[in-house]
């Protein structure tokens, strides 16, 4: 089972390591903070507890802070 990950200029197919693999697990694997990332699953905003399903498209968007 696999999903497509889109992050910055990266677009790759990745394997789902277990059946409860969540956005939070993905962020941990990529060493990214949920504080600075917005996650989308198949075009819809999702929370980090969302489980990734086969053939999902997961897009991670870096939040830019400014003043």
C-alpha atoms as a PDB file:
ATOM      1  CA  UNK A   1       0.000   0.000   0.000  1.00  0.00           C
ATOM      2  CA  UNK A   2       1.287   3.427  -0.877  1.00  0.00           C
ATOM      3  CA  UNK A   3       0.409   7.111  -1.045  1.00  0.00           C
ATOM      4  CA  UNK A   4       1.741  10.178  -2.848  1.00  0.00           C
ATOM      5  CA  UNK A   5       3.574  12.795  -0.787  1.00  0.00           C
ATOM      6  CA  UNK A   6       3.863  16.385  -2.000  1.00  0.00           C
ATOM      7  CA  UNK A   7       6.104  18.719  -0.021  1.00  0.00           C
ATOM      8  CA  UNK A   8       7.799  21.801  -1.472  1.00  0.00           C
ATOM      9  CA  UNK A   9       9.390  20.595  -4.747  1.00  0.00           C
ATOM     10  CA  UNK A  10       9.120  16.923  -3.758  1.00  0.00           C
ATOM     11  CA  UNK A  11       6.501  14.592  -5.193  1.00  0.00           C
ATOM     12  CA  UNK A  12       7.068  10.922  -4.467  1.00  0.00           C
ATOM     13  CA  UNK A  13       5.239   7.700  -3.849  1.00  0.00           C
ATOM     14  CA  UNK A  14       5.826   6.321  -0.357  1.00  0.00           C
ATOM     15  CA  UNK A  15       4.895   3.038   1.269  1.00  0.00           C
ATOM     16  CA  UNK A  16       2.463   3.004   4.189  1.00  0.00           C
ATOM     17  CA  UNK A  17       4.407   1.170   6.926  1.00  0.00           C
ATOM     18  CA  UNK A  18       1.371   0.125   9.015  1.00  0.00           C
ATOM     19  CA  UNK A  19      -2.421   0.317   8.958  1.00  0.00           C
ATOM     20  CA  UNK A  20      -2.639   3.154  11.506  1.00  0.00           C
ATOM     21  CA  UNK A  21       0.009   5.365   9.883  1.00  0.00           C
ATOM     22  CA  UNK A  22      -1.093   8.945  10.470  1.00  0.00           C
ATOM     23  CA  UNK A  23      -0.114  12.420   9.327  1.00  0.00           C
ATOM     24  CA  UNK A  24       1.602  12.803  12.717  1.00  0.00           C
ATOM     25  CA  UNK A  25       3.716   9.676  12.043  1.00  0.00           C
ATOM     26  CA  UNK A  26       4.652  11.052   8.621  1.00  0.00           C
ATOM     27  CA  UNK A  27       5.688  14.407  10.106  1.00  0.00           C
ATOM     28  CA  UNK A  28       7.808  12.590  12.701  1.00  0.00           C
ATOM     29  CA  UNK A  29       9.459  10.473   9.977  1.00  0.00           C
ATOM     30  CA  UNK A  30      10.285  13.633   8.016  1.00  0.00           C
ATOM     31  CA  UNK A  31      11.422  15.439  11.194  1.00  0.00           C
ATOM     32  CA  UNK A  32       8.872  18.207  10.616  1.00  0.00           C
ATOM     33  CA  UNK A  33       6.876  20.028  13.279  1.00  0.00           C
ATOM     34  CA  UNK A  34       3.078  20.029  13.216  1.00  0.00           C
ATOM     35  CA  UNK A  35       3.395  23.603  14.493  1.00  0.00           C
ATOM     36  CA  UNK A  36       4.788  24.785  11.142  1.00  0.00           C
ATOM     37  CA  UNK A  37       2.975  22.495   8.662  1.00  0.00           C
ATOM     38  CA  UNK A  38      -0.568  22.436   7.286  1.00  0.00           C
ATOM     39  CA  UNK A  39      -1.622  19.008   6.034  1.00  0.00           C
ATOM     40  CA  UNK A  40      -4.006  18.178   3.201  1.00  0.00           C
ATOM     41  CA  UNK A  41      -5.358  14.741   2.341  1.00  0.00           C
ATOM     42  CA  UNK A  42      -6.777  14.546  -1.187  1.00  0.00           C
ATOM     43  CA  UNK A  43      -7.164  18.315  -1.273  1.00  0.00           C
ATOM     44  CA  UNK A  44      -8.948  18.650   2.098  1.00  0.00           C
ATOM     45  CA  UNK A  45      -7.375  20.145   5.228  1.00  0.00           C
ATOM     46  CA  UNK A  46      -6.896  17.457   7.889  1.00  0.00           C
ATOM     47  CA  UNK A  47      -5.614  17.159  11.453  1.00  0.00           C
ATOM     48  CA  UNK A  48      -2.425  15.315  12.321  1.00  0.00           C
ATOM     49  CA  UNK A  49      -4.332  12.315  13.753  1.00  0.00           C
ATOM     50  CA  UNK A  50      -5.781  11.527  10.313  1.00  0.00           C
ATOM     51  CA  UNK A  51      -4.842   8.033   9.113  1.00  0.00           C
ATOM     52  CA  UNK A  52      -3.270   7.822   5.651  1.00  0.00           C
ATOM     53  CA  UNK A  53      -5.079   5.435   3.295  1.00  0.00           C
ATOM     54  CA  UNK A  54      -3.909   3.659   0.157  1.00  0.00           C
ATOM     55  CA  UNK A  55      -3.709   5.947  -2.910  1.00  0.00           C
ATOM     56  CA  UNK A  56      -4.116   9.126  -0.816  1.00  0.00           C
ATOM     57  CA  UNK A  57      -2.397  12.296  -1.931  1.00  0.00           C
ATOM     58  CA  UNK A  58      -0.847  13.990   1.090  1.00  0.00           C
ATOM     59  CA  UNK A  59       0.300  17.568   0.637  1.00  0.00           C
ATOM     60  CA  UNK A  60       2.344  19.278   3.341  1.00  0.00           C
ATOM     61  CA  UNK A  61       2.416  23.075   3.233  1.00  0.00           C
ATOM     62  CA  UNK A  62       5.029  25.044   5.201  1.00  0.00           C
ATOM     63  CA  UNK A  63       3.485  27.877   7.222  1.00  0.00           C
ATOM     64  CA  UNK A  64       5.362  31.145   6.816  1.00  0.00           C
ATOM     65  CA  UNK A  65       5.333  33.526   9.750  1.00  0.00           C
ATOM     66  CA  UNK A  66       6.040  37.194   9.302  1.00  0.00           C
ATOM     67  CA  UNK A  67       5.512  40.537  10.846  1.00  0.00           C
END
